[in-house]
Amino acid sequence: MLLAEKYAEALEAKFNNPESKNQKQFPNLFTYTFFVEKGQKFDRIVSSSVSSVGGHTSVHAFVERSTGALIKPATYKAPAKLKSGWATKFNLLTEFDKTVEVADVYGGYLYQ
């Protein structure tokens, strides 16, 4: 199993948990699905939400396969880049549990 797939499963379990903040605040309003689209260098984690009023799909993050770096998206097809390199704040190889703990549905935790 790819690191990105493991992370997508952890996010889905966190945000669909009846005890989560989102589910307590808005019970049965949203159901979240996270899936991975594999690329050559990066795996794209896509989030999809379904509710009684419609749905939404967006890129949650990119995972660099070689390093495990979790990178915020710039567009649907590309990760964000800074002058010093990729816009990364967490590494899934070394900080997997911490990253899942601080994660939010919208990816705000990826911004520096």
Protein backbone atom coordinates (compact mmCIF):
# COMPACT_ATOMS: atom_id res chain seq x y z
CA MET A 1 0.00 0.00 0.00
CA LEU A 2 1.27 3.44 -0.91
CA LEU A 3 1.92 5.98 1.82
CA ALA A 4 -0.63 8.31 0.19
CA GLU A 5 -3.29 5.58 0.28
CA LYS A 6 -2.61 4.93 3.96
CA TYR A 7 -2.94 8.65 4.68
CA ALA A 8 -6.17 8.93 2.66
CA GLU A 9 -7.67 6.06 4.67
CA ALA A 10 -6.65 7.72 7.94
CA LEU A 11 -8.24 11.03 6.88
CA GLU A 12 -11.46 9.32 5.83
CA ALA A 13 -11.67 7.47 9.15
CA LYS A 14 -11.01 10.69 11.09
CA PHE A 15 -13.59 12.86 9.33
CA ASN A 16 -16.36 10.26 9.08
CA ASN A 17 -16.07 9.34 12.75
CA PRO A 18 -19.33 10.16 14.60
CA GLU A 19 -17.23 11.60 17.45
CA SER A 20 -15.34 14.08 15.21
CA LYS A 21 -15.91 17.82 15.56
CA ASN A 22 -17.50 18.13 12.10
CA GLN A 23 -19.90 15.23 12.66
CA LYS A 24 -20.93 16.50 16.11
CA GLN A 25 -21.54 19.98 14.75
CA PHE A 26 -23.38 18.86 11.62
CA PRO A 27 -24.54 15.27 12.09
CA ASN A 28 -25.10 13.39 8.84
CA LEU A 29 -24.61 16.56 6.79
CA PHE A 30 -21.39 15.52 5.05
CA THR A 31 -19.79 12.22 4.14
CA TYR A 32 -16.14 12.50 3.15
CA THR A 33 -14.27 10.26 0.76
CA PHE A 34 -10.54 10.48 0.14
CA PHE A 35 -8.88 8.68 -2.73
CA VAL A 36 -5.49 8.68 -4.44
CA GLU A 37 -4.69 9.41 -8.06
CA LYS A 38 -1.22 8.04 -8.77
CA GLY A 39 1.31 10.07 -10.72
CA GLN A 40 4.91 9.59 -11.76
CA LYS A 41 6.50 11.74 -9.07
CA PHE A 42 3.54 12.75 -6.89
CA ASP A 43 0.40 11.04 -5.67
CA ARG A 44 -2.65 13.31 -5.53
CA ILE A 45 -4.99 12.91 -2.55
CA VAL A 46 -8.47 13.99 -3.64
CA SER A 47 -11.28 14.75 -1.23
CA SER A 48 -14.91 14.38 -2.13
CA SER A 49 -17.78 15.44 0.08
CA VAL A 50 -21.38 14.45 -0.41
CA SER A 51 -24.32 16.04 1.37
CA SER A 52 -28.04 16.41 1.02
CA VAL A 53 -27.50 19.69 -0.84
CA GLY A 54 -24.84 18.52 -3.33
CA GLY A 55 -21.20 17.57 -3.42
CA HIS A 56 -17.71 18.89 -3.95
CA THR A 57 -14.42 17.40 -5.13
CA SER A 58 -11.01 19.00 -4.66
CA VAL A 59 -7.34 18.19 -4.22
CA HIS A 60 -6.50 17.84 -0.55
CA ALA A 61 -2.72 17.44 -0.90
CA PHE A 62 0.11 15.91 -2.89
CA VAL A 63 2.56 13.32 -1.56
CA GLU A 64 6.03 13.17 -3.06
CA ARG A 65 6.71 9.47 -3.51
CA SER A 66 10.48 9.58 -3.03
CA THR A 67 10.52 11.59 0.23
CA GLY A 68 7.04 11.25 1.79
CA ALA A 69 6.66 15.04 1.83
CA LEU A 70 3.06 16.23 2.14
CA ILE A 71 2.66 19.24 -0.15
CA LYS A 72 -0.21 21.71 -0.43
CA PRO A 73 -1.79 21.98 -3.87
CA ALA A 74 -1.36 24.97 -6.17
CA THR A 75 -3.85 23.66 -8.72
CA TYR A 76 -5.66 20.40 -9.34
CA LYS A 77 -2.69 19.15 -11.35
CA ALA A 78 0.31 20.64 -9.55
CA PRO A 79 1.72 21.00 -6.04
CA ALA A 80 2.68 24.43 -4.74
CA LYS A 81 6.29 25.50 -4.99
CA LEU A 82 8.28 28.08 -3.06
CA LYS A 83 11.64 29.65 -3.91
CA SER A 84 13.30 27.21 -1.53
CA GLY A 85 11.50 24.11 -2.88
CA TRP A 86 8.11 22.49 -2.47
CA ALA A 87 5.55 24.07 -0.13
CA THR A 88 5.73 21.30 2.44
CA LYS A 89 5.17 21.41 6.17
CA PHE A 90 4.92 17.72 7.12
CA ASN A 91 6.63 14.48 6.15
CA LEU A 92 4.46 11.38 6.28
CA LEU A 93 7.44 9.06 6.76
CA THR A 94 8.49 10.71 10.02
CA GLU A 95 5.34 12.53 11.26
CA PHE A 96 2.41 10.40 10.09
CA ASP A 97 0.47 10.31 13.39
CA LYS A 98 1.06 14.00 14.15
CA THR A 99 -0.10 14.96 10.66
CA VAL A 100 -3.32 12.96 10.96
CA GLU A 101 -3.94 14.53 14.37
CA VAL A 102 -3.65 18.14 13.14
CA ALA A 103 -5.34 17.54 9.76
CA ASP A 104 -8.53 19.35 8.88
CA VAL A 105 -10.97 18.59 6.10
CA TYR A 106 -10.03 21.60 3.99
CA GLY A 107 -6.22 21.32 4.12
CA GLY A 108 -5.63 24.52 6.09
CA TYR A 109 -3.00 22.75 8.19
CA LEU A 110 -0.75 22.58 5.10
CA TYR A 111 -0.26 26.36 4.92
CA GLN A 112 2.84 27.80 6.55
